[in-house]
Amino acid sequence: MPTILSLTPDELLSTTRAVRKHLDLHRPVERALLEECLALAQQAPSGSNRQGWHFVVVTDPATKAGLAELYRQGMEVYRTLPIAAANLEFDDPGRTALQQRIAGSAEHLAAHLHEVPVHVVPCIEGRLEGGPTVMVASAYGSIVPAIWSFMLAARARGLGTCWTTLHLFHEEAAAKLLGIPFAEVTQVALVPVAHTTRTTFKPAPREPLERMVHWERW
C-alpha cells in the first residue's frame, strides 16, 4: 500500500509544487499508484457531467523519448517568447532572480524529460480552435480540475508532478505518436510523474492578495 503523507488539506494545496529538479529518475512508479490518482481525478466535476476526459499514460522508453524530443523543440520556440520565465523582468530583484531559477529548472526538465518514469497526457474530447469563449471555457473547465486533482493525489502519495505544455507546439505530431485521434481530441498538458528525492515542499512566494482580488468590480 502507498504511504499517504500526513498533510492537512491546506498543506496539500499550498505545497503541491511544479517539481522538476527533484524527480527521482531511477525509481519506477507503480501502476496501482497511478490508478489511485487517476480514480481520484475522475471525481472532479465536468461540464454537463459529460466526463469527456482521457489520460494517456506513457511509460515506454521509446515513446517517452519521442515526446521529450517534441517537448525540446517546443522549448526552442518558448525561449524566444516574451512570456518565457527567463525573459520576464521585475522591479524587485528578488523576483527577477526567482524567475531565473524557474527558467533553469525548466531547462533541467527539458534535458531530462525522457528519463522521467511516467508521462501523463490529459486530453478532452473535441477540438477547441475558433470556438466561442463559453464553449472553450467549458471544455477546459471540464479537464483542468481533473488534472489538478490528479496532481494533488500524486503529491499526497509522495509523487512529484509538473504541469507542462511545450509539446503542444507540435500537438499533431504528438497525437500521431500516441495514437490520439487529433481531429476529435485536444491534448491539454504533459504531466511528468515520478517519486521525489525529497518530500518537504514549502508554499511559494506570491504577490499580495490585494493585487489580484477585485471586490464587486475590477
N, C-alpha and C. Protein backbone atom coordinates (compact mmCIF):
# COMPACT_ATOMS: atom_id res chain seq x y z
N MET A 1 0.84 -1.19 0.00
CA MET A 1 0.00 0.00 0.00
C MET A 1 0.88 1.25 0.00
N PRO A 2 0.47 2.29 -0.72
CA PRO A 2 1.28 3.50 -0.74
C PRO A 2 1.21 4.23 0.60
N THR A 3 2.24 4.95 0.90
CA THR A 3 2.26 5.77 2.11
C THR A 3 1.63 7.12 1.79
N ILE A 4 0.55 7.45 2.49
CA ILE A 4 -0.08 8.74 2.32
C ILE A 4 0.61 9.73 3.25
N LEU A 5 1.11 10.83 2.70
CA LEU A 5 1.79 11.81 3.53
C LEU A 5 0.81 12.44 4.50
N SER A 6 1.31 12.79 5.65
CA SER A 6 0.47 13.40 6.68
C SER A 6 0.40 14.90 6.44
N LEU A 7 -0.52 15.29 5.55
CA LEU A 7 -0.69 16.70 5.18
C LEU A 7 -2.13 17.11 5.44
N THR A 8 -2.31 18.29 6.02
CA THR A 8 -3.65 18.83 6.12
C THR A 8 -4.10 19.27 4.73
N PRO A 9 -5.40 19.46 4.51
CA PRO A 9 -5.84 19.97 3.21
C PRO A 9 -5.14 21.26 2.81
N ASP A 10 -4.96 22.18 3.74
CA ASP A 10 -4.29 23.44 3.41
C ASP A 10 -2.82 23.20 3.04
N GLU A 11 -2.16 22.30 3.74
CA GLU A 11 -0.76 21.98 3.41
C GLU A 11 -0.67 21.34 2.03
N LEU A 12 -1.60 20.45 1.71
CA LEU A 12 -1.60 19.80 0.41
C LEU A 12 -1.77 20.83 -0.70
N LEU A 13 -2.72 21.74 -0.51
CA LEU A 13 -2.99 22.74 -1.54
C LEU A 13 -1.85 23.74 -1.70
N SER A 14 -1.16 24.05 -0.62
CA SER A 14 -0.14 25.10 -0.68
C SER A 14 1.26 24.56 -0.95
N THR A 15 1.44 23.23 -0.98
CA THR A 15 2.78 22.68 -1.21
C THR A 15 2.83 21.73 -2.40
N THR A 16 1.78 21.70 -3.20
CA THR A 16 1.83 20.92 -4.45
C THR A 16 2.52 21.80 -5.49
N ARG A 17 3.79 21.61 -5.62
CA ARG A 17 4.64 22.46 -6.44
C ARG A 17 4.87 21.83 -7.81
N ALA A 18 5.36 22.66 -8.73
CA ALA A 18 5.88 22.16 -10.00
C ALA A 18 7.26 21.57 -9.71
N VAL A 19 7.35 20.24 -9.71
CA VAL A 19 8.60 19.57 -9.34
C VAL A 19 9.33 19.19 -10.63
N ARG A 20 10.54 19.69 -10.77
CA ARG A 20 11.34 19.41 -11.96
C ARG A 20 12.71 18.81 -11.60
N LYS A 21 13.41 19.47 -10.68
CA LYS A 21 14.76 19.03 -10.34
C LYS A 21 14.78 17.93 -9.29
N HIS A 22 13.67 17.72 -8.59
CA HIS A 22 13.65 16.74 -7.51
C HIS A 22 12.81 15.52 -7.87
N LEU A 23 12.73 15.21 -9.15
CA LEU A 23 12.09 13.98 -9.59
C LEU A 23 13.10 12.85 -9.57
N ASP A 24 12.72 11.72 -9.01
CA ASP A 24 13.61 10.55 -8.98
C ASP A 24 13.52 9.85 -10.34
N LEU A 25 14.56 9.99 -11.11
CA LEU A 25 14.56 9.47 -12.48
C LEU A 25 14.83 7.97 -12.55
N HIS A 26 15.12 7.35 -11.43
CA HIS A 26 15.54 5.95 -11.44
C HIS A 26 14.54 5.01 -10.77
N ARG A 27 13.62 5.53 -10.02
CA ARG A 27 12.67 4.68 -9.29
C ARG A 27 11.36 4.57 -10.08
N PRO A 28 10.95 3.39 -10.45
CA PRO A 28 9.69 3.24 -11.19
C PRO A 28 8.49 3.67 -10.33
N VAL A 29 7.43 4.06 -11.02
CA VAL A 29 6.18 4.41 -10.35
C VAL A 29 5.20 3.27 -10.57
N GLU A 30 4.67 2.74 -9.49
CA GLU A 30 3.80 1.58 -9.57
C GLU A 30 2.49 1.93 -10.28
N ARG A 31 2.04 1.04 -11.16
CA ARG A 31 0.80 1.26 -11.89
C ARG A 31 -0.38 1.45 -10.94
N ALA A 32 -0.42 0.67 -9.87
CA ALA A 32 -1.52 0.78 -8.92
C ALA A 32 -1.58 2.17 -8.31
N LEU A 33 -0.42 2.77 -8.09
CA LEU A 33 -0.36 4.11 -7.51
C LEU A 33 -0.93 5.13 -8.50
N LEU A 34 -0.58 5.00 -9.76
CA LEU A 34 -1.12 5.88 -10.80
C LEU A 34 -2.64 5.72 -10.91
N GLU A 35 -3.10 4.49 -10.83
CA GLU A 35 -4.54 4.24 -10.96
C GLU A 35 -5.30 4.86 -9.79
N GLU A 36 -4.72 4.84 -8.59
CA GLU A 36 -5.36 5.50 -7.46
C GLU A 36 -5.53 6.99 -7.74
N CYS A 37 -4.49 7.61 -8.24
CA CYS A 37 -4.54 9.05 -8.53
C CYS A 37 -5.53 9.36 -9.65
N LEU A 38 -5.56 8.50 -10.66
CA LEU A 38 -6.49 8.71 -11.78
C LEU A 38 -7.93 8.51 -11.34
N ALA A 39 -8.17 7.55 -10.44
CA ALA A 39 -9.53 7.33 -9.94
C ALA A 39 -10.02 8.56 -9.16
N LEU A 40 -9.12 9.19 -8.42
CA LEU A 40 -9.49 10.41 -7.71
C LEU A 40 -9.72 11.54 -8.70
N ALA A 41 -8.94 11.59 -9.76
CA ALA A 41 -9.14 12.61 -10.78
C ALA A 41 -10.52 12.50 -11.40
N GLN A 42 -11.03 11.27 -11.52
CA GLN A 42 -12.36 11.06 -12.08
C GLN A 42 -13.47 11.69 -11.26
N GLN A 43 -13.19 11.99 -10.01
CA GLN A 43 -14.20 12.58 -9.15
C GLN A 43 -14.36 14.08 -9.37
N ALA A 44 -13.49 14.66 -10.19
CA ALA A 44 -13.60 16.10 -10.47
C ALA A 44 -14.85 16.38 -11.28
N PRO A 45 -15.40 17.58 -11.18
CA PRO A 45 -16.59 17.92 -11.96
C PRO A 45 -16.25 18.10 -13.44
N SER A 46 -17.25 17.92 -14.28
CA SER A 46 -17.10 18.20 -15.71
C SER A 46 -18.40 18.79 -16.23
N GLY A 47 -18.31 19.62 -17.25
CA GLY A 47 -19.48 20.30 -17.79
C GLY A 47 -20.56 19.31 -18.22
N SER A 48 -21.78 19.53 -17.73
CA SER A 48 -22.93 18.66 -18.03
C SER A 48 -22.66 17.20 -17.65
N ASN A 49 -21.67 16.99 -16.79
CA ASN A 49 -21.28 15.64 -16.38
C ASN A 49 -20.96 14.75 -17.58
N ARG A 50 -20.36 15.34 -18.62
CA ARG A 50 -20.06 14.56 -19.82
C ARG A 50 -18.89 13.61 -19.60
N GLN A 51 -17.97 13.98 -18.69
CA GLN A 51 -16.82 13.13 -18.38
C GLN A 51 -16.03 12.79 -19.66
N GLY A 52 -15.78 13.82 -20.46
CA GLY A 52 -15.08 13.60 -21.72
C GLY A 52 -13.57 13.64 -21.60
N TRP A 53 -13.08 13.37 -20.42
CA TRP A 53 -11.62 13.42 -20.21
C TRP A 53 -10.98 12.08 -20.58
N HIS A 54 -9.70 12.17 -20.92
CA HIS A 54 -8.88 10.99 -21.20
C HIS A 54 -7.48 11.28 -20.69
N PHE A 55 -6.81 10.25 -20.20
CA PHE A 55 -5.43 10.37 -19.74
C PHE A 55 -4.60 9.30 -20.45
N VAL A 56 -3.64 9.72 -21.25
CA VAL A 56 -2.74 8.77 -21.89
C VAL A 56 -1.51 8.64 -21.00
N VAL A 57 -1.30 7.46 -20.46
CA VAL A 57 -0.20 7.21 -19.52
C VAL A 57 0.93 6.50 -20.27
N VAL A 58 2.09 7.12 -20.30
CA VAL A 58 3.20 6.63 -21.12
C VAL A 58 4.37 6.24 -20.23
N THR A 59 4.80 4.98 -20.35
CA THR A 59 5.99 4.51 -19.64
C THR A 59 7.01 3.91 -20.61
N ASP A 60 6.63 3.67 -21.85
CA ASP A 60 7.53 3.07 -22.83
C ASP A 60 8.68 4.04 -23.12
N PRO A 61 9.93 3.59 -22.98
CA PRO A 61 11.07 4.49 -23.17
C PRO A 61 11.12 5.16 -24.54
N ALA A 62 10.81 4.42 -25.59
CA ALA A 62 10.88 5.00 -26.94
C ALA A 62 9.82 6.08 -27.13
N THR A 63 8.63 5.82 -26.61
CA THR A 63 7.56 6.82 -26.74
C THR A 63 7.88 8.05 -25.91
N LYS A 64 8.39 7.85 -24.71
CA LYS A 64 8.80 8.99 -23.88
C LYS A 64 9.88 9.81 -24.57
N ALA A 65 10.81 9.12 -25.22
CA ALA A 65 11.88 9.82 -25.92
C ALA A 65 11.30 10.67 -27.05
N GLY A 66 10.30 10.13 -27.75
CA GLY A 66 9.66 10.88 -28.82
C GLY A 66 8.94 12.11 -28.30
N LEU A 67 8.21 11.96 -27.20
CA LEU A 67 7.54 13.10 -26.59
C LEU A 67 8.55 14.14 -26.10
N ALA A 68 9.62 13.66 -25.50
CA ALA A 68 10.64 14.57 -24.98
C ALA A 68 11.30 15.36 -26.10
N GLU A 69 11.48 14.74 -27.25
CA GLU A 69 12.07 15.46 -28.38
C GLU A 69 11.13 16.54 -28.88
N LEU A 70 9.84 16.24 -28.96
CA LEU A 70 8.86 17.26 -29.35
C LEU A 70 8.85 18.38 -28.31
N TYR A 71 8.97 18.01 -27.05
CA TYR A 71 8.99 19.00 -25.97
C TYR A 71 10.20 19.93 -26.11
N ARG A 72 11.36 19.35 -26.42
CA ARG A 72 12.56 20.17 -26.56
C ARG A 72 12.45 21.09 -27.78
N GLN A 73 11.81 20.62 -28.83
CA GLN A 73 11.57 21.50 -29.97
C GLN A 73 10.64 22.65 -29.57
N GLY A 74 9.64 22.33 -28.75
CA GLY A 74 8.77 23.39 -28.23
C GLY A 74 9.52 24.36 -27.34
N MET A 75 10.47 23.86 -26.56
CA MET A 75 11.27 24.72 -25.70
C MET A 75 12.06 25.74 -26.52
N GLU A 76 12.54 25.33 -27.69
CA GLU A 76 13.27 26.26 -28.55
C GLU A 76 12.40 27.44 -28.95
N VAL A 77 11.12 27.18 -29.19
CA VAL A 77 10.20 28.27 -29.51
C VAL A 77 9.91 29.10 -28.26
N TYR A 78 9.65 28.43 -27.16
CA TYR A 78 9.30 29.11 -25.91
C TYR A 78 10.38 30.09 -25.48
N ARG A 79 11.63 29.72 -25.62
CA ARG A 79 12.73 30.59 -25.18
C ARG A 79 12.68 31.96 -25.84
N THR A 80 12.12 32.05 -27.04
CA THR A 80 12.09 33.31 -27.78
C THR A 80 10.90 34.18 -27.41
N LEU A 81 9.96 33.67 -26.62
CA LEU A 81 8.73 34.39 -26.34
C LEU A 81 8.90 35.34 -25.15
N PRO A 82 8.21 36.48 -25.17
CA PRO A 82 8.32 37.41 -24.04
C PRO A 82 7.77 36.83 -22.74
N ILE A 83 6.89 35.80 -22.82
CA ILE A 83 6.33 35.21 -21.60
C ILE A 83 7.26 34.18 -20.97
N ALA A 84 8.35 33.83 -21.64
CA ALA A 84 9.28 32.84 -21.09
C ALA A 84 9.82 33.33 -19.75
N ALA A 85 9.95 32.41 -18.81
CA ALA A 85 10.37 32.80 -17.45
C ALA A 85 11.68 33.58 -17.47
N ALA A 86 12.62 33.18 -18.31
CA ALA A 86 13.92 33.84 -18.35
C ALA A 86 13.85 35.24 -18.93
N ASN A 87 12.76 35.55 -19.66
CA ASN A 87 12.64 36.85 -20.31
C ASN A 87 11.83 37.85 -19.50
N LEU A 88 11.28 37.42 -18.38
CA LEU A 88 10.48 38.31 -17.55
C LEU A 88 11.37 39.05 -16.56
N GLU A 89 11.19 40.35 -16.47
CA GLU A 89 11.95 41.16 -15.53
C GLU A 89 10.98 41.94 -14.64
N PHE A 90 11.39 42.15 -13.40
CA PHE A 90 10.55 42.83 -12.43
C PHE A 90 11.38 43.89 -11.70
N ASP A 91 10.67 44.86 -11.13
CA ASP A 91 11.37 45.89 -10.35
C ASP A 91 12.05 45.29 -9.13
N ASP A 92 11.47 44.20 -8.63
CA ASP A 92 12.02 43.54 -7.46
C ASP A 92 13.14 42.59 -7.90
N PRO A 93 14.40 42.85 -7.54
CA PRO A 93 15.49 41.96 -7.95
C PRO A 93 15.29 40.52 -7.47
N GLY A 94 14.66 40.36 -6.30
CA GLY A 94 14.42 39.02 -5.80
C GLY A 94 13.48 38.25 -6.70
N ARG A 95 12.46 38.93 -7.22
CA ARG A 95 11.50 38.28 -8.12
C ARG A 95 12.19 37.92 -9.43
N THR A 96 13.04 38.80 -9.93
CA THR A 96 13.77 38.50 -11.16
C THR A 96 14.69 37.30 -10.97
N ALA A 97 15.35 37.24 -9.81
CA ALA A 97 16.22 36.10 -9.52
C ALA A 97 15.42 34.81 -9.44
N LEU A 98 14.23 34.89 -8.85
CA LEU A 98 13.36 33.72 -8.78
C LEU A 98 12.99 33.24 -10.18
N GLN A 99 12.68 34.18 -11.07
CA GLN A 99 12.33 33.80 -12.44
C GLN A 99 13.49 33.07 -13.12
N GLN A 100 14.70 33.52 -12.85
CA GLN A 100 15.87 32.86 -13.44
C GLN A 100 16.03 31.44 -12.90
N ARG A 101 15.73 31.24 -11.64
CA ARG A 101 15.81 29.90 -11.07
C ARG A 101 14.74 29.00 -11.70
N ILE A 102 13.56 29.55 -11.89
CA ILE A 102 12.50 28.79 -12.54
C ILE A 102 12.90 28.42 -13.96
N ALA A 103 13.51 29.36 -14.66
CA ALA A 103 13.96 29.09 -16.02
C ALA A 103 15.00 27.97 -16.04
N GLY A 104 15.92 27.99 -15.09
CA GLY A 104 16.91 26.92 -15.01
C GLY A 104 16.29 25.58 -14.71
N SER A 105 15.26 25.60 -13.86
CA SER A 105 14.55 24.37 -13.53
C SER A 105 13.84 23.82 -14.77
N ALA A 106 13.23 24.71 -15.56
CA ALA A 106 12.54 24.29 -16.77
C ALA A 106 13.52 23.69 -17.78
N GLU A 107 14.68 24.28 -17.89
CA GLU A 107 15.70 23.76 -18.80
C GLU A 107 16.15 22.37 -18.35
N HIS A 108 16.27 22.20 -17.04
CA HIS A 108 16.65 20.90 -16.50
C HIS A 108 15.63 19.84 -16.87
N LEU A 109 14.35 20.17 -16.73
CA LEU A 109 13.31 19.21 -17.07
C LEU A 109 13.36 18.86 -18.55
N ALA A 110 13.53 19.87 -19.38
CA ALA A 110 13.59 19.61 -20.83
C ALA A 110 14.73 18.66 -21.18
N ALA A 111 15.85 18.82 -20.50
CA ALA A 111 17.02 17.97 -20.79
C ALA A 111 16.82 16.54 -20.31
N HIS A 112 15.99 16.35 -19.29
CA HIS A 112 15.85 15.02 -18.67
C HIS A 112 14.46 14.43 -18.80
N LEU A 113 13.58 15.06 -19.56
CA LEU A 113 12.20 14.60 -19.61
C LEU A 113 12.07 13.15 -20.03
N HIS A 114 12.91 12.72 -20.96
CA HIS A 114 12.83 11.33 -21.44
C HIS A 114 13.17 10.33 -20.34
N GLU A 115 13.84 10.78 -19.28
CA GLU A 115 14.23 9.90 -18.18
C GLU A 115 13.16 9.79 -17.09
N VAL A 116 12.18 10.69 -17.10
CA VAL A 116 11.13 10.66 -16.08
C VAL A 116 10.31 9.38 -16.26
N PRO A 117 10.04 8.65 -15.19
CA PRO A 117 9.41 7.33 -15.33
C PRO A 117 8.06 7.32 -16.05
N VAL A 118 7.25 8.37 -15.84
CA VAL A 118 5.90 8.37 -16.40
C VAL A 118 5.58 9.73 -17.00
N HIS A 119 4.99 9.71 -18.20
CA HIS A 119 4.40 10.91 -18.80
C HIS A 119 2.89 10.69 -18.84
N VAL A 120 2.15 11.65 -18.34
CA VAL A 120 0.69 11.59 -18.41
C VAL A 120 0.22 12.74 -19.30
N VAL A 121 -0.53 12.40 -20.35
CA VAL A 121 -1.04 13.41 -21.28
C VAL A 121 -2.56 13.49 -21.12
N PRO A 122 -3.06 14.50 -20.41
CA PRO A 122 -4.51 14.66 -20.26
C PRO A 122 -5.12 15.25 -21.54
N CYS A 123 -6.29 14.75 -21.89
CA CYS A 123 -6.97 15.18 -23.11
C CYS A 123 -8.44 15.41 -22.83
N ILE A 124 -9.09 16.18 -23.69
CA ILE A 124 -10.53 16.39 -23.61
C ILE A 124 -11.12 16.17 -25.00
N GLU A 125 -12.26 15.54 -25.05
CA GLU A 125 -12.90 15.27 -26.33
C GLU A 125 -13.30 16.57 -27.02
N GLY A 126 -13.09 16.64 -28.33
CA GLY A 126 -13.43 17.81 -29.13
C GLY A 126 -12.20 18.65 -29.47
N ARG A 127 -12.33 19.44 -30.53
CA ARG A 127 -11.31 20.43 -30.89
C ARG A 127 -11.83 21.79 -30.49
N LEU A 128 -10.94 22.66 -29.99
CA LEU A 128 -11.38 23.91 -29.39
C LEU A 128 -11.04 25.14 -30.24
N GLU A 129 -10.29 24.96 -31.34
CA GLU A 129 -9.87 26.10 -32.13
C GLU A 129 -11.07 26.86 -32.69
N GLY A 130 -11.07 28.17 -32.47
CA GLY A 130 -12.09 29.01 -33.08
C GLY A 130 -13.46 28.93 -32.44
N GLY A 131 -13.59 28.18 -31.38
CA GLY A 131 -14.90 28.04 -30.73
C GLY A 131 -15.25 29.28 -29.92
N PRO A 132 -16.53 29.48 -29.62
CA PRO A 132 -16.92 30.61 -28.76
C PRO A 132 -16.33 30.45 -27.37
N THR A 133 -16.07 31.57 -26.73
CA THR A 133 -15.42 31.57 -25.42
C THR A 133 -16.13 30.65 -24.44
N VAL A 134 -17.45 30.66 -24.45
CA VAL A 134 -18.20 29.87 -23.48
C VAL A 134 -17.93 28.38 -23.66
N MET A 135 -17.79 27.95 -24.91
CA MET A 135 -17.55 26.53 -25.16
C MET A 135 -16.11 26.14 -24.82
N VAL A 136 -15.17 27.03 -25.15
CA VAL A 136 -13.77 26.75 -24.82
C VAL A 136 -13.57 26.71 -23.31
N ALA A 137 -14.18 27.69 -22.62
CA ALA A 137 -14.06 27.72 -21.16
C ALA A 137 -14.69 26.48 -20.54
N SER A 138 -15.82 26.06 -21.09
CA SER A 138 -16.47 24.86 -20.56
C SER A 138 -15.61 23.63 -20.77
N ALA A 139 -14.98 23.53 -21.93
CA ALA A 139 -14.14 22.37 -22.22
C ALA A 139 -12.93 22.31 -21.29
N TYR A 140 -12.22 23.43 -21.17
CA TYR A 140 -11.07 23.43 -20.27
C TYR A 140 -11.50 23.25 -18.82
N GLY A 141 -12.66 23.82 -18.48
CA GLY A 141 -13.18 23.65 -17.13
C GLY A 141 -13.61 22.23 -16.83
N SER A 142 -13.69 21.41 -17.88
CA SER A 142 -14.07 20.00 -17.70
C SER A 142 -12.87 19.07 -17.61
N ILE A 143 -11.66 19.59 -17.84
CA ILE A 143 -10.47 18.74 -17.76
C ILE A 143 -9.47 19.27 -16.74
N VAL A 144 -9.36 20.60 -16.61
CA VAL A 144 -8.36 21.16 -15.69
C VAL A 144 -8.58 20.71 -14.25
N PRO A 145 -9.82 20.72 -13.71
CA PRO A 145 -9.98 20.23 -12.34
C PRO A 145 -9.53 18.79 -12.16
N ALA A 146 -9.77 17.95 -13.19
CA ALA A 146 -9.35 16.55 -13.09
C ALA A 146 -7.83 16.44 -13.07
N ILE A 147 -7.15 17.25 -13.87
CA ILE A 147 -5.68 17.22 -13.88
C ILE A 147 -5.15 17.65 -12.51
N TRP A 148 -5.71 18.73 -11.98
CA TRP A 148 -5.24 19.23 -10.69
C TRP A 148 -5.52 18.22 -9.58
N SER A 149 -6.68 17.57 -9.65
CA SER A 149 -6.96 16.52 -8.66
C SER A 149 -5.94 15.39 -8.76
N PHE A 150 -5.57 15.03 -9.97
CA PHE A 150 -4.54 14.00 -10.16
C PHE A 150 -3.23 14.44 -9.52
N MET A 151 -2.85 15.70 -9.72
CA MET A 151 -1.59 16.19 -9.21
C MET A 151 -1.61 16.28 -7.68
N LEU A 152 -2.75 16.66 -7.11
CA LEU A 152 -2.88 16.70 -5.66
C LEU A 152 -2.79 15.29 -5.08
N ALA A 153 -3.48 14.35 -5.72
CA ALA A 153 -3.43 12.96 -5.25
C ALA A 153 -2.01 12.42 -5.33
N ALA A 154 -1.29 12.78 -6.38
CA ALA A 154 0.09 12.34 -6.53
C ALA A 154 0.97 12.92 -5.42
N ARG A 155 0.80 14.19 -5.13
CA ARG A 155 1.56 14.83 -4.07
C ARG A 155 1.32 14.14 -2.73
N ALA A 156 0.06 13.78 -2.46
CA ALA A 156 -0.28 13.13 -1.20
C ALA A 156 0.38 11.77 -1.07
N ARG A 157 0.77 11.19 -2.19
CA ARG A 157 1.40 9.87 -2.19
C ARG A 157 2.91 9.93 -2.43
N GLY A 158 3.49 11.09 -2.25
CA GLY A 158 4.93 11.23 -2.38
C GLY A 158 5.43 11.32 -3.80
N LEU A 159 4.53 11.58 -4.74
CA LEU A 159 4.93 11.72 -6.14
C LEU A 159 5.04 13.20 -6.50
N GLY A 160 5.95 13.50 -7.41
CA GLY A 160 6.10 14.85 -7.91
C GLY A 160 5.54 14.96 -9.30
N THR A 161 4.96 16.10 -9.62
CA THR A 161 4.40 16.35 -10.94
C THR A 161 4.73 17.77 -11.36
N CYS A 162 4.48 18.04 -12.62
CA CYS A 162 4.67 19.39 -13.14
C CYS A 162 3.76 19.56 -14.35
N TRP A 163 2.98 20.60 -14.35
CA TRP A 163 2.10 20.89 -15.49
C TRP A 163 2.95 21.51 -16.59
N THR A 164 3.09 20.86 -17.70
CA THR A 164 3.86 21.38 -18.82
C THR A 164 3.01 21.36 -20.08
N THR A 165 3.36 22.19 -21.05
CA THR A 165 2.56 22.29 -22.27
C THR A 165 3.40 22.44 -23.54
N LEU A 166 4.71 22.47 -23.44
CA LEU A 166 5.52 22.85 -24.60
C LEU A 166 5.43 21.86 -25.75
N HIS A 167 5.08 20.60 -25.48
CA HIS A 167 4.94 19.66 -26.59
C HIS A 167 3.76 20.03 -27.49
N LEU A 168 2.87 20.90 -26.96
CA LEU A 168 1.69 21.27 -27.74
C LEU A 168 2.01 22.19 -28.91
N PHE A 169 3.23 22.73 -28.96
CA PHE A 169 3.66 23.39 -30.20
C PHE A 169 3.63 22.40 -31.35
N HIS A 170 3.71 21.12 -31.02
CA HIS A 170 3.71 20.05 -32.03
C HIS A 170 2.64 19.02 -31.65
N GLU A 171 1.45 19.52 -31.34
CA GLU A 171 0.39 18.64 -30.83
C GLU A 171 0.03 17.54 -31.82
N GLU A 172 -0.05 17.88 -33.11
CA GLU A 172 -0.46 16.87 -34.08
C GLU A 172 0.57 15.75 -34.18
N ALA A 173 1.86 16.10 -34.12
CA ALA A 173 2.90 15.08 -34.14
C ALA A 173 2.81 14.21 -32.89
N ALA A 174 2.53 14.84 -31.74
CA ALA A 174 2.36 14.07 -30.51
C ALA A 174 1.16 13.14 -30.60
N ALA A 175 0.08 13.63 -31.21
CA ALA A 175 -1.11 12.80 -31.38
C ALA A 175 -0.79 11.57 -32.22
N LYS A 176 -0.02 11.76 -33.26
CA LYS A 176 0.36 10.64 -34.12
C LYS A 176 1.20 9.64 -33.34
N LEU A 177 2.12 10.14 -32.54
CA LEU A 177 3.00 9.28 -31.75
C LEU A 177 2.19 8.46 -30.74
N LEU A 178 1.15 9.07 -30.17
CA LEU A 178 0.37 8.43 -29.10
C LEU A 178 -0.90 7.75 -29.59
N GLY A 179 -1.18 7.85 -30.88
CA GLY A 179 -2.40 7.25 -31.41
C GLY A 179 -3.66 8.00 -31.02
N ILE A 180 -3.53 9.28 -30.68
CA ILE A 180 -4.68 10.10 -30.31
C ILE A 180 -5.36 10.60 -31.58
N PRO A 181 -6.67 10.47 -31.72
CA PRO A 181 -7.36 10.99 -32.91
C PRO A 181 -7.38 12.52 -32.88
N PHE A 182 -6.43 13.13 -33.57
CA PHE A 182 -6.20 14.58 -33.47
C PHE A 182 -7.44 15.39 -33.82
N ALA A 183 -8.20 14.97 -34.81
CA ALA A 183 -9.36 15.73 -35.25
C ALA A 183 -10.49 15.70 -34.24
N GLU A 184 -10.41 14.80 -33.26
CA GLU A 184 -11.52 14.61 -32.33
C GLU A 184 -11.17 14.89 -30.88
N VAL A 185 -9.88 14.99 -30.57
CA VAL A 185 -9.44 15.08 -29.17
C VAL A 185 -8.35 16.13 -29.04
N THR A 186 -8.46 16.97 -28.00
CA THR A 186 -7.47 18.02 -27.73
C THR A 186 -6.59 17.62 -26.55
N GLN A 187 -5.29 17.65 -26.76
CA GLN A 187 -4.36 17.46 -25.65
C GLN A 187 -4.27 18.77 -24.86
N VAL A 188 -4.16 18.66 -23.55
CA VAL A 188 -4.17 19.85 -22.71
C VAL A 188 -2.84 20.08 -22.00
N ALA A 189 -2.09 19.02 -21.74
CA ALA A 189 -0.85 19.16 -20.98
C ALA A 189 -0.02 17.89 -21.16
N LEU A 190 1.18 17.95 -20.62
CA LEU A 190 2.02 16.77 -20.43
C LEU A 190 2.51 16.85 -19.00
N VAL A 191 2.14 15.88 -18.18
CA VAL A 191 2.48 15.90 -16.76
C VAL A 191 3.52 14.82 -16.46
N PRO A 192 4.78 15.20 -16.24
CA PRO A 192 5.76 14.21 -15.79
C PRO A 192 5.43 13.76 -14.38
N VAL A 193 5.59 12.47 -14.12
CA VAL A 193 5.27 11.92 -12.80
C VAL A 193 6.42 11.03 -12.33
N ALA A 194 6.85 11.24 -11.10
CA ALA A 194 7.92 10.42 -10.53
C ALA A 194 7.85 10.51 -9.01
N HIS A 195 8.43 9.52 -8.34
CA HIS A 195 8.71 9.69 -6.93
C HIS A 195 9.68 10.87 -6.80
N THR A 196 9.68 11.49 -5.65
CA THR A 196 10.54 12.65 -5.46
C THR A 196 11.75 12.31 -4.61
N THR A 197 12.80 13.07 -4.79
CA THR A 197 14.01 12.87 -4.00
C THR A 197 13.91 13.60 -2.66
N ARG A 198 12.81 14.30 -2.45
CA ARG A 198 12.51 14.92 -1.16
C ARG A 198 11.00 14.99 -1.05
N THR A 199 10.49 15.06 0.17
CA THR A 199 9.04 15.11 0.37
C THR A 199 8.58 16.42 0.97
N THR A 200 9.51 17.24 1.42
CA THR A 200 9.15 18.51 2.05
C THR A 200 9.21 19.63 1.03
N PHE A 201 8.07 20.25 0.79
CA PHE A 201 7.99 21.41 -0.10
C PHE A 201 7.27 22.52 0.64
N LYS A 202 7.62 23.76 0.32
CA LYS A 202 7.06 24.91 1.02
C LYS A 202 6.12 25.69 0.10
N PRO A 203 5.22 26.48 0.69
CA PRO A 203 4.42 27.39 -0.14
C PRO A 203 5.35 28.33 -0.91
N ALA A 204 4.95 28.68 -2.11
CA ALA A 204 5.76 29.56 -2.96
C ALA A 204 5.47 31.02 -2.63
N PRO A 205 6.44 31.89 -2.85
CA PRO A 205 6.16 33.33 -2.68
C PRO A 205 5.15 33.78 -3.72
N ARG A 206 4.22 34.59 -3.31
CA ARG A 206 3.17 35.08 -4.19
C ARG A 206 2.97 36.58 -3.99
N GLU A 207 2.40 37.22 -5.02
CA GLU A 207 2.08 38.64 -4.93
C GLU A 207 1.04 38.87 -3.84
N PRO A 208 0.97 40.09 -3.31
CA PRO A 208 -0.04 40.39 -2.29
C PRO A 208 -1.45 40.09 -2.81
N LEU A 209 -2.30 39.59 -1.92
CA LEU A 209 -3.65 39.20 -2.32
C LEU A 209 -4.42 40.35 -2.95
N GLU A 210 -4.22 41.57 -2.42
CA GLU A 210 -4.99 42.70 -2.94
C GLU A 210 -4.64 43.03 -4.39
N ARG A 211 -3.53 42.53 -4.88
CA ARG A 211 -3.17 42.80 -6.28
C ARG A 211 -4.05 42.00 -7.23
N MET A 212 -4.60 40.88 -6.79
CA MET A 212 -5.36 40.01 -7.69
C MET A 212 -6.84 39.93 -7.38
N VAL A 213 -7.24 40.40 -6.20
CA VAL A 213 -8.64 40.28 -5.82
C VAL A 213 -9.36 41.60 -6.08
N HIS A 214 -10.48 41.53 -6.75
CA HIS A 214 -11.27 42.72 -7.06
C HIS A 214 -12.66 42.52 -6.45
N TRP A 215 -13.00 43.34 -5.47
CA TRP A 215 -14.29 43.22 -4.79
C TRP A 215 -15.33 44.04 -5.53
N GLU A 216 -16.41 43.39 -5.90
CA GLU A 216 -17.58 43.99 -6.55
C GLU A 216 -17.31 44.38 -8.01
N ARG A 217 -16.21 45.08 -8.30
CA ARG A 217 -15.88 45.47 -9.67
C ARG A 217 -14.37 45.38 -9.85
N TRP A 218 -13.89 45.37 -11.10
CA TRP A 218 -12.44 45.33 -11.39
C TRP A 218 -11.79 46.56 -10.80
